[in-house]
Amino acid sequence: MDTNFDKLLDFPCQQTFKIMGIAHERLPQDVITCLQVHAPGDYVPKVKPSSKGTYHSISLSITVTSKAHMETLYVELAKLELVKVVL
């Protein structure tokens, strides 16, 4: 992944990630477990269901330390089975 995050942001910084995935009780915990590996911290996800209840949107503020760190978070979160999109 080759992004321009280093040109757009001053690291370290807080970045809000929005993760959308299948509406399943395991989704928030899977996201938190992944984050604990790559960006340990105390996370309180905000979970919003879609209008039909098929998907959930999870918002989290994460401290990212570098361009590589941010790219890793996007890649690793996107690999999760229940996740469909990471913004």
PDB file of N, CA and C in Angstrom:
ATOM      1  N   MET A   1       0.853  -1.172   0.000  1.00  0.00           N
ATOM      2  CA  MET A   1       0.000   0.000   0.000  1.00  0.00           C
ATOM      3  C   MET A   1       0.898   1.234   0.000  1.00  0.00           C
ATOM      4  N   ASP A   2       0.653   2.129  -0.928  1.00  0.00           N
ATOM      5  CA  ASP A   2       1.450   3.351  -0.991  1.00  0.00           C
ATOM      6  C   ASP A   2       0.503   4.545  -0.927  1.00  0.00           C
ATOM      7  N   THR A   3       0.409   5.129   0.246  1.00  0.00           N
ATOM      8  CA  THR A   3      -0.512   6.244   0.481  1.00  0.00           C
ATOM      9  C   THR A   3       0.263   7.547   0.682  1.00  0.00           C
ATOM     10  N   ASN A   4      -0.461   8.624   0.830  1.00  0.00           N
ATOM     11  CA  ASN A   4       0.123   9.932   1.105  1.00  0.00           C
ATOM     12  C   ASN A   4      -0.126  10.360   2.545  1.00  0.00           C
ATOM     13  N   PHE A   5      -0.390   9.415   3.430  1.00  0.00           N
ATOM     14  CA  PHE A   5      -0.688   9.759   4.822  1.00  0.00           C
ATOM     15  C   PHE A   5       0.408  10.621   5.444  1.00  0.00           C
ATOM     16  N   ASP A   6       1.659  10.332   5.110  1.00  0.00           N
ATOM     17  CA  ASP A   6       2.766  11.090   5.704  1.00  0.00           C
ATOM     18  C   ASP A   6       2.787  12.549   5.233  1.00  0.00           C
ATOM     19  N   LYS A   7       2.202  12.829   4.091  1.00  0.00           N
ATOM     20  CA  LYS A   7       2.140  14.202   3.588  1.00  0.00           C
ATOM     21  C   LYS A   7       0.918  14.953   4.123  1.00  0.00           C
ATOM     22  N   LEU A   8      -0.091  14.196   4.536  1.00  0.00           N
ATOM     23  CA  LEU A   8      -1.344  14.800   4.978  1.00  0.00           C
ATOM     24  C   LEU A   8      -1.463  14.945   6.492  1.00  0.00           C
ATOM     25  N   LEU A   9      -0.747  14.118   7.237  1.00  0.00           N
ATOM     26  CA  LEU A   9      -0.892  14.079   8.690  1.00  0.00           C
ATOM     27  C   LEU A   9       0.444  14.263   9.394  1.00  0.00           C
ATOM     28  N   ASP A  10       0.391  14.808  10.593  1.00  0.00           N
ATOM     29  CA  ASP A  10       1.573  14.884  11.458  1.00  0.00           C
ATOM     30  C   ASP A  10       1.456  13.777  12.502  1.00  0.00           C
ATOM     31  N   PHE A  11       2.369  12.844  12.469  1.00  0.00           N
ATOM     32  CA  PHE A  11       2.337  11.698  13.392  1.00  0.00           C
ATOM     33  C   PHE A  11       3.146  11.992  14.639  1.00  0.00           C
ATOM     34  N   PRO A  12       2.766  11.442  15.783  1.00  0.00           N
ATOM     35  CA  PRO A  12       1.563  10.653  16.051  1.00  0.00           C
ATOM     36  C   PRO A  12       0.323  11.542  16.072  1.00  0.00           C
ATOM     37  N   CYS A  13      -0.828  10.928  15.771  1.00  0.00           N
ATOM     38  CA  CYS A  13      -2.088  11.661  15.780  1.00  0.00           C
ATOM     39  C   CYS A  13      -3.246  10.711  16.054  1.00  0.00           C
ATOM     40  N   GLN A  14      -4.374  11.304  16.413  1.00  0.00           N
ATOM     41  CA  GLN A  14      -5.604  10.536  16.596  1.00  0.00           C
ATOM     42  C   GLN A  14      -6.301  10.461  15.250  1.00  0.00           C
ATOM     43  N   GLN A  15      -6.736   9.277  14.892  1.00  0.00           N
ATOM     44  CA  GLN A  15      -7.450   9.093  13.635  1.00  0.00           C
ATOM     45  C   GLN A  15      -8.704   8.275  13.910  1.00  0.00           C
ATOM     46  N   THR A  16      -9.835   8.724  13.402  1.00  0.00           N
ATOM     47  CA  THR A  16     -11.071   7.960  13.560  1.00  0.00           C
ATOM     48  C   THR A  16     -11.185   6.974  12.414  1.00  0.00           C
ATOM     49  N   PHE A  17     -11.346   5.721  12.767  1.00  0.00           N
ATOM     50  CA  PHE A  17     -11.559   4.670  11.786  1.00  0.00           C
ATOM     51  C   PHE A  17     -13.028   4.278  11.843  1.00  0.00           C
ATOM     52  N   LYS A  18     -13.609   4.048  10.677  1.00  0.00           N
ATOM     53  CA  LYS A  18     -14.972   3.553  10.602  1.00  0.00           C
ATOM     54  C   LYS A  18     -14.890   2.199   9.914  1.00  0.00           C
ATOM     55  N   ILE A  19     -15.382   1.188  10.609  1.00  0.00           N
ATOM     56  CA  ILE A  19     -15.323  -0.177  10.104  1.00  0.00           C
ATOM     57  C   ILE A  19     -16.754  -0.651   9.890  1.00  0.00           C
ATOM     58  N   MET A  20     -17.060  -1.098   8.695  1.00  0.00           N
ATOM     59  CA  MET A  20     -18.398  -1.603   8.408  1.00  0.00           C
ATOM     60  C   MET A  20     -18.314  -3.096   8.130  1.00  0.00           C
ATOM     61  N   GLY A  21     -19.249  -3.816   8.749  1.00  0.00           N
ATOM     62  CA  GLY A  21     -19.226  -5.257   8.583  1.00  0.00           C
ATOM     63  C   GLY A  21     -20.578  -5.884   8.823  1.00  0.00           C
ATOM     64  N   ILE A  22     -20.601  -7.187   8.684  1.00  0.00           N
ATOM     65  CA  ILE A  22     -21.811  -7.974   8.893  1.00  0.00           C
ATOM     66  C   ILE A  22     -22.285  -7.793  10.338  1.00  0.00           C
ATOM     67  N   ALA A  23     -23.592  -7.610  10.509  1.00  0.00           N
ATOM     68  CA  ALA A  23     -24.171  -7.448  11.848  1.00  0.00           C
ATOM     69  C   ALA A  23     -24.090  -8.788  12.582  1.00  0.00           C
ATOM     70  N   HIS A  24     -23.075  -8.899  13.417  1.00  0.00           N
ATOM     71  CA  HIS A  24     -22.848 -10.124  14.194  1.00  0.00           C
ATOM     72  C   HIS A  24     -22.298  -9.696  15.546  1.00  0.00           C
ATOM     73  N   GLU A  25     -22.687 -10.391  16.584  1.00  0.00           N
ATOM     74  CA  GLU A  25     -22.244 -10.019  17.936  1.00  0.00           C
ATOM     75  C   GLU A  25     -20.727 -10.075  18.091  1.00  0.00           C
ATOM     76  N   ARG A  26     -20.060 -10.829  17.246  1.00  0.00           N
ATOM     77  CA  ARG A  26     -18.603 -10.998  17.322  1.00  0.00           C
ATOM     78  C   ARG A  26     -17.827  -9.843  16.672  1.00  0.00           C
ATOM     79  N   LEU A  27     -18.471  -9.069  15.803  1.00  0.00           N
ATOM     80  CA  LEU A  27     -17.767  -8.026  15.040  1.00  0.00           C
ATOM     81  C   LEU A  27     -17.009  -7.037  15.926  1.00  0.00           C
ATOM     82  N   PRO A  28     -17.637  -6.397  16.918  1.00  0.00           N
ATOM     83  CA  PRO A  28     -16.879  -5.442  17.736  1.00  0.00           C
ATOM     84  C   PRO A  28     -15.671  -6.073  18.439  1.00  0.00           C
ATOM     85  N   GLN A  29     -15.838  -7.286  18.958  1.00  0.00           N
ATOM     86  CA  GLN A  29     -14.736  -7.941  19.661  1.00  0.00           C
ATOM     87  C   GLN A  29     -13.614  -8.318  18.710  1.00  0.00           C
ATOM     88  N   ASP A  30     -13.942  -8.757  17.503  1.00  0.00           N
ATOM     89  CA  ASP A  30     -12.907  -9.072  16.509  1.00  0.00           C
ATOM     90  C   ASP A  30     -12.078  -7.824  16.176  1.00  0.00           C
ATOM     91  N   VAL A  31     -12.760  -6.681  16.031  1.00  0.00           N
ATOM     92  CA  VAL A  31     -12.076  -5.429  15.726  1.00  0.00           C
ATOM     93  C   VAL A  31     -11.155  -5.038  16.882  1.00  0.00           C
ATOM     94  N   ILE A  32     -11.659  -5.103  18.105  1.00  0.00           N
ATOM     95  CA  ILE A  32     -10.861  -4.748  19.292  1.00  0.00           C
ATOM     96  C   ILE A  32      -9.666  -5.676  19.427  1.00  0.00           C
ATOM     97  N   THR A  33      -9.858  -6.961  19.215  1.00  0.00           N
ATOM     98  CA  THR A  33      -8.761  -7.933  19.309  1.00  0.00           C
ATOM     99  C   THR A  33      -7.667  -7.598  18.304  1.00  0.00           C
ATOM    100  N   CYS A  34      -8.049  -7.258  17.089  1.00  0.00           N
ATOM    101  CA  CYS A  34      -7.075  -6.882  16.059  1.00  0.00           C
ATOM    102  C   CYS A  34      -6.324  -5.617  16.476  1.00  0.00           C
ATOM    103  N   LEU A  35      -7.046  -4.638  16.983  1.00  0.00           N
ATOM    104  CA  LEU A  35      -6.416  -3.385  17.403  1.00  0.00           C
ATOM    105  C   LEU A  35      -5.440  -3.593  18.559  1.00  0.00           C
ATOM    106  N   GLN A  36      -5.754  -4.486  19.478  1.00  0.00           N
ATOM    107  CA  GLN A  36      -4.867  -4.727  20.621  1.00  0.00           C
ATOM    108  C   GLN A  36      -3.510  -5.257  20.171  1.00  0.00           C
ATOM    109  N   VAL A  37      -3.476  -5.944  19.047  1.00  0.00           N
ATOM    110  CA  VAL A  37      -2.221  -6.457  18.499  1.00  0.00           C
ATOM    111  C   VAL A  37      -1.400  -5.320  17.879  1.00  0.00           C
ATOM    112  N   HIS A  38      -2.071  -4.432  17.146  1.00  0.00           N
ATOM    113  CA  HIS A  38      -1.370  -3.424  16.351  1.00  0.00           C
ATOM    114  C   HIS A  38      -1.355  -2.017  16.956  1.00  0.00           C
ATOM    115  N   ALA A  39      -2.281  -1.743  17.874  1.00  0.00           N
ATOM    116  CA  ALA A  39      -2.358  -0.419  18.513  1.00  0.00           C
ATOM    117  C   ALA A  39      -3.031  -0.578  19.875  1.00  0.00           C
ATOM    118  N   PRO A  40      -2.324  -1.181  20.838  1.00  0.00           N
ATOM    119  CA  PRO A  40      -2.935  -1.460  22.138  1.00  0.00           C
ATOM    120  C   PRO A  40      -3.514  -0.205  22.788  1.00  0.00           C
ATOM    121  N   GLY A  41      -4.665  -0.382  23.438  1.00  0.00           N
ATOM    122  CA  GLY A  41      -5.314   0.731  24.113  1.00  0.00           C
ATOM    123  C   GLY A  41      -6.663   0.323  24.661  1.00  0.00           C
ATOM    124  N   ASP A  42      -7.305   1.258  25.330  1.00  0.00           N
ATOM    125  CA  ASP A  42      -8.654   1.045  25.855  1.00  0.00           C
ATOM    126  C   ASP A  42      -9.642   1.618  24.846  1.00  0.00           C
ATOM    127  N   TYR A  43     -10.337   0.766  24.153  1.00  0.00           N
ATOM    128  CA  TYR A  43     -11.249   1.200  23.107  1.00  0.00           C
ATOM    129  C   TYR A  43     -12.697   0.997  23.519  1.00  0.00           C
ATOM    130  N   VAL A  44     -13.500   1.991  23.195  1.00  0.00           N
ATOM    131  CA  VAL A  44     -14.942   1.908  23.402  1.00  0.00           C
ATOM    132  C   VAL A  44     -15.579   2.176  22.043  1.00  0.00           C
ATOM    133  N   PRO A  45     -15.890   1.111  21.319  1.00  0.00           N
ATOM    134  CA  PRO A  45     -16.429   1.304  19.977  1.00  0.00           C
ATOM    135  C   PRO A  45     -17.861   1.839  20.009  1.00  0.00           C
ATOM    136  N   LYS A  46     -18.157   2.720  19.057  1.00  0.00           N
ATOM    137  CA  LYS A  46     -19.534   3.175  18.850  1.00  0.00           C
ATOM    138  C   LYS A  46     -20.089   2.316  17.727  1.00  0.00           C
ATOM    139  N   VAL A  47     -21.136   1.567  18.025  1.00  0.00           N
ATOM    140  CA  VAL A  47     -21.717   0.654  17.043  1.00  0.00           C
ATOM    141  C   VAL A  47     -23.087   1.173  16.621  1.00  0.00           C
ATOM    142  N   LYS A  48     -23.278   1.288  15.304  1.00  0.00           N
ATOM    143  CA  LYS A  48     -24.565   1.718  14.763  1.00  0.00           C
ATOM    144  C   LYS A  48     -25.034   0.672  13.762  1.00  0.00           C
ATOM    145  N   PRO A  49     -26.275   0.209  13.896  1.00  0.00           N
ATOM    146  CA  PRO A  49     -26.805  -0.732  12.911  1.00  0.00           C
ATOM    147  C   PRO A  49     -27.270  -0.007  11.645  1.00  0.00           C
ATOM    148  N   SER A  50     -27.246  -0.721  10.537  1.00  0.00           N
ATOM    149  CA  SER A  50     -27.786  -0.161   9.292  1.00  0.00           C
ATOM    150  C   SER A  50     -29.307  -0.126   9.401  1.00  0.00           C
ATOM    151  N   SER A  51     -29.958   0.550   8.476  1.00  0.00           N
ATOM    152  CA  SER A  51     -31.416   0.698   8.547  1.00  0.00           C
ATOM    153  C   SER A  51     -32.143  -0.649   8.499  1.00  0.00           C
ATOM    154  N   LYS A  52     -31.589  -1.611   7.771  1.00  0.00           N
ATOM    155  CA  LYS A  52     -32.207  -2.941   7.704  1.00  0.00           C
ATOM    156  C   LYS A  52     -31.638  -3.895   8.741  1.00  0.00           C
ATOM    157  N   GLY A  53     -30.592  -3.470   9.443  1.00  0.00           N
ATOM    158  CA  GLY A  53     -29.994  -4.315  10.469  1.00  0.00           C
ATOM    159  C   GLY A  53     -29.055  -5.382   9.945  1.00  0.00           C
ATOM    160  N   THR A  54     -28.720  -5.329   8.677  1.00  0.00           N
ATOM    161  CA  THR A  54     -27.847  -6.328   8.064  1.00  0.00           C
ATOM    162  C   THR A  54     -26.380  -6.074   8.389  1.00  0.00           C
ATOM    163  N   TYR A  55     -26.026  -4.790   8.527  1.00  0.00           N
ATOM    164  CA  TYR A  55     -24.640  -4.395   8.762  1.00  0.00           C
ATOM    165  C   TYR A  55     -24.531  -3.533  10.010  1.00  0.00           C
ATOM    166  N   HIS A  56     -23.331  -3.482  10.555  1.00  0.00           N
ATOM    167  CA  HIS A  56     -23.017  -2.581  11.658  1.00  0.00           C
ATOM    168  C   HIS A  56     -21.849  -1.705  11.257  1.00  0.00           C
ATOM    169  N   SER A  57     -21.883  -0.467  11.722  1.00  0.00           N
ATOM    170  CA  SER A  57     -20.790   0.467  11.526  1.00  0.00           C
ATOM    171  C   SER A  57     -20.147   0.703  12.890  1.00  0.00           C
ATOM    172  N   ILE A  58     -18.840   0.535  12.963  1.00  0.00           N
ATOM    173  CA  ILE A  58     -18.104   0.730  14.214  1.00  0.00           C
ATOM    174  C   ILE A  58     -17.158   1.901  14.022  1.00  0.00           C
ATOM    175  N   SER A  59     -17.232   2.877  14.931  1.00  0.00           N
ATOM    176  CA  SER A  59     -16.326   4.033  14.898  1.00  0.00           C
ATOM    177  C   SER A  59     -15.405   3.976  16.099  1.00  0.00           C
ATOM    178  N   LEU A  60     -14.113   4.186  15.847  1.00  0.00           N
ATOM    179  CA  LEU A  60     -13.098   4.168  16.904  1.00  0.00           C
ATOM    180  C   LEU A  60     -12.046   5.223  16.629  1.00  0.00           C
ATOM    181  N   SER A  61     -11.591   5.876  17.681  1.00  0.00           N
ATOM    182  CA  SER A  61     -10.476   6.814  17.573  1.00  0.00           C
ATOM    183  C   SER A  61      -9.209   6.081  18.008  1.00  0.00           C
ATOM    184  N   ILE A  62      -8.200   6.092  17.136  1.00  0.00           N
ATOM    185  CA  ILE A  62      -6.978   5.321  17.354  1.00  0.00           C
ATOM    186  C   ILE A  62      -5.780   6.244  17.209  1.00  0.00           C
ATOM    187  N   THR A  63      -4.807   6.099  18.091  1.00  0.00           N
ATOM    188  CA  THR A  63      -3.561   6.850  17.959  1.00  0.00           C
ATOM    189  C   THR A  63      -2.659   6.103  16.983  1.00  0.00           C
ATOM    190  N   VAL A  64      -2.365   6.758  15.864  1.00  0.00           N
ATOM    191  CA  VAL A  64      -1.457   6.163  14.878  1.00  0.00           C
ATOM    192  C   VAL A  64      -0.113   6.882  14.957  1.00  0.00           C
ATOM    193  N   THR A  65       0.963   6.129  14.826  1.00  0.00           N
ATOM    194  CA  THR A  65       2.297   6.670  15.059  1.00  0.00           C
ATOM    195  C   THR A  65       3.091   6.975  13.792  1.00  0.00           C
ATOM    196  N   SER A  66       2.652   6.408  12.658  1.00  0.00           N
ATOM    197  CA  SER A  66       3.392   6.622  11.414  1.00  0.00           C
ATOM    198  C   SER A  66       2.530   6.219  10.219  1.00  0.00           C
ATOM    199  N   LYS A  67       3.032   6.541   9.044  1.00  0.00           N
ATOM    200  CA  LYS A  67       2.362   6.135   7.802  1.00  0.00           C
ATOM    201  C   LYS A  67       2.236   4.614   7.750  1.00  0.00           C
ATOM    202  N   ALA A  68       3.311   3.925   8.051  1.00  0.00           N
ATOM    203  CA  ALA A  68       3.307   2.459   8.014  1.00  0.00           C
ATOM    204  C   ALA A  68       2.319   1.878   9.021  1.00  0.00           C
ATOM    205  N   HIS A  69       2.256   2.486  10.197  1.00  0.00           N
ATOM    206  CA  HIS A  69       1.328   2.027  11.224  1.00  0.00           C
ATOM    207  C   HIS A  69      -0.115   2.172  10.739  1.00  0.00           C
ATOM    208  N   MET A  70      -0.445   3.291  10.147  1.00  0.00           N
ATOM    209  CA  MET A  70      -1.795   3.532   9.651  1.00  0.00           C
ATOM    210  C   MET A  70      -2.149   2.554   8.530  1.00  0.00           C
ATOM    211  N   GLU A  71      -1.229   2.346   7.617  1.00  0.00           N
ATOM    212  CA  GLU A  71      -1.463   1.400   6.528  1.00  0.00           C
ATOM    213  C   GLU A  71      -1.669  -0.015   7.066  1.00  0.00           C
ATOM    214  N   THR A  72      -0.887  -0.394   8.070  1.00  0.00           N
ATOM    215  CA  THR A  72      -1.034  -1.711   8.685  1.00  0.00           C
ATOM    216  C   THR A  72      -2.417  -1.874   9.300  1.00  0.00           C
ATOM    217  N   LEU A  73      -2.900  -0.850   9.992  1.00  0.00           N
ATOM    218  CA  LEU A  73      -4.232  -0.920  10.596  1.00  0.00           C
ATOM    219  C   LEU A  73      -5.303  -1.128   9.528  1.00  0.00           C
ATOM    220  N   TYR A  74      -5.236  -0.378   8.436  1.00  0.00           N
ATOM    221  CA  TYR A  74      -6.220  -0.555   7.368  1.00  0.00           C
ATOM    222  C   TYR A  74      -6.185  -1.982   6.816  1.00  0.00           C
ATOM    223  N   VAL A  75      -5.003  -2.488   6.549  1.00  0.00           N
ATOM    224  CA  VAL A  75      -4.856  -3.818   5.959  1.00  0.00           C
ATOM    225  C   VAL A  75      -5.347  -4.900   6.928  1.00  0.00           C
ATOM    226  N   GLU A  76      -4.911  -4.835   8.183  1.00  0.00           N
ATOM    227  CA  GLU A  76      -5.256  -5.880   9.145  1.00  0.00           C
ATOM    228  C   GLU A  76      -6.745  -5.871   9.497  1.00  0.00           C
ATOM    229  N   LEU A  77      -7.337  -4.691   9.629  1.00  0.00           N
ATOM    230  CA  LEU A  77      -8.777  -4.631   9.904  1.00  0.00           C
ATOM    231  C   LEU A  77      -9.575  -5.176   8.720  1.00  0.00           C
ATOM    232  N   ALA A  78      -9.138  -4.875   7.508  1.00  0.00           N
ATOM    233  CA  ALA A  78      -9.846  -5.347   6.310  1.00  0.00           C
ATOM    234  C   ALA A  78      -9.777  -6.863   6.157  1.00  0.00           C
ATOM    235  N   LYS A  79      -8.777  -7.504   6.750  1.00  0.00           N
ATOM    236  CA  LYS A  79      -8.634  -8.971   6.664  1.00  0.00           C
ATOM    237  C   LYS A  79      -9.649  -9.714   7.536  1.00  0.00           C
ATOM    238  N   LEU A  80     -10.270  -9.029   8.491  1.00  0.00           N
ATOM    239  CA  LEU A  80     -11.189  -9.712   9.393  1.00  0.00           C
ATOM    240  C   LEU A  80     -12.388 -10.258   8.619  1.00  0.00           C
ATOM    241  N   GLU A  81     -12.807 -11.457   8.979  1.00  0.00           N
ATOM    242  CA  GLU A  81     -13.848 -12.186   8.272  1.00  0.00           C
ATOM    243  C   GLU A  81     -15.157 -11.403   8.131  1.00  0.00           C
ATOM    244  N   LEU A  82     -15.587 -10.740   9.198  1.00  0.00           N
ATOM    245  CA  LEU A  82     -16.889 -10.056   9.187  1.00  0.00           C
ATOM    246  C   LEU A  82     -16.829  -8.636   8.609  1.00  0.00           C
ATOM    247  N   VAL A  83     -15.630  -8.111   8.418  1.00  0.00           N
ATOM    248  CA  VAL A  83     -15.464  -6.735   7.958  1.00  0.00           C
ATOM    249  C   VAL A  83     -15.616  -6.656   6.425  1.00  0.00           C
ATOM    250  N   LYS A  84     -16.374  -5.654   5.989  1.00  0.00           N
ATOM    251  CA  LYS A  84     -16.560  -5.426   4.557  1.00  0.00           C
ATOM    252  C   LYS A  84     -15.808  -4.200   4.062  1.00  0.00           C
ATOM    253  N   VAL A  85     -15.748  -3.114   4.882  1.00  0.00           N
ATOM    254  CA  VAL A  85     -15.111  -1.876   4.463  1.00  0.00           C
ATOM    255  C   VAL A  85     -14.446  -1.217   5.660  1.00  0.00           C
ATOM    256  N   VAL A  86     -13.252  -0.631   5.441  1.00  0.00           N
ATOM    257  CA  VAL A  86     -12.571   0.154   6.477  1.00  0.00           C
ATOM    258  C   VAL A  86     -12.332   1.541   5.884  1.00  0.00           C
ATOM    259  N   LEU A  87     -12.839   2.539   6.581  1.00  0.00           N
ATOM    260  CA  LEU A  87     -12.675   3.930   6.136  1.00  0.00           C
ATOM    261  C   LEU A  87     -11.873   4.712   7.153  1.00  0.00           C
TER     262      LEU A  87
END
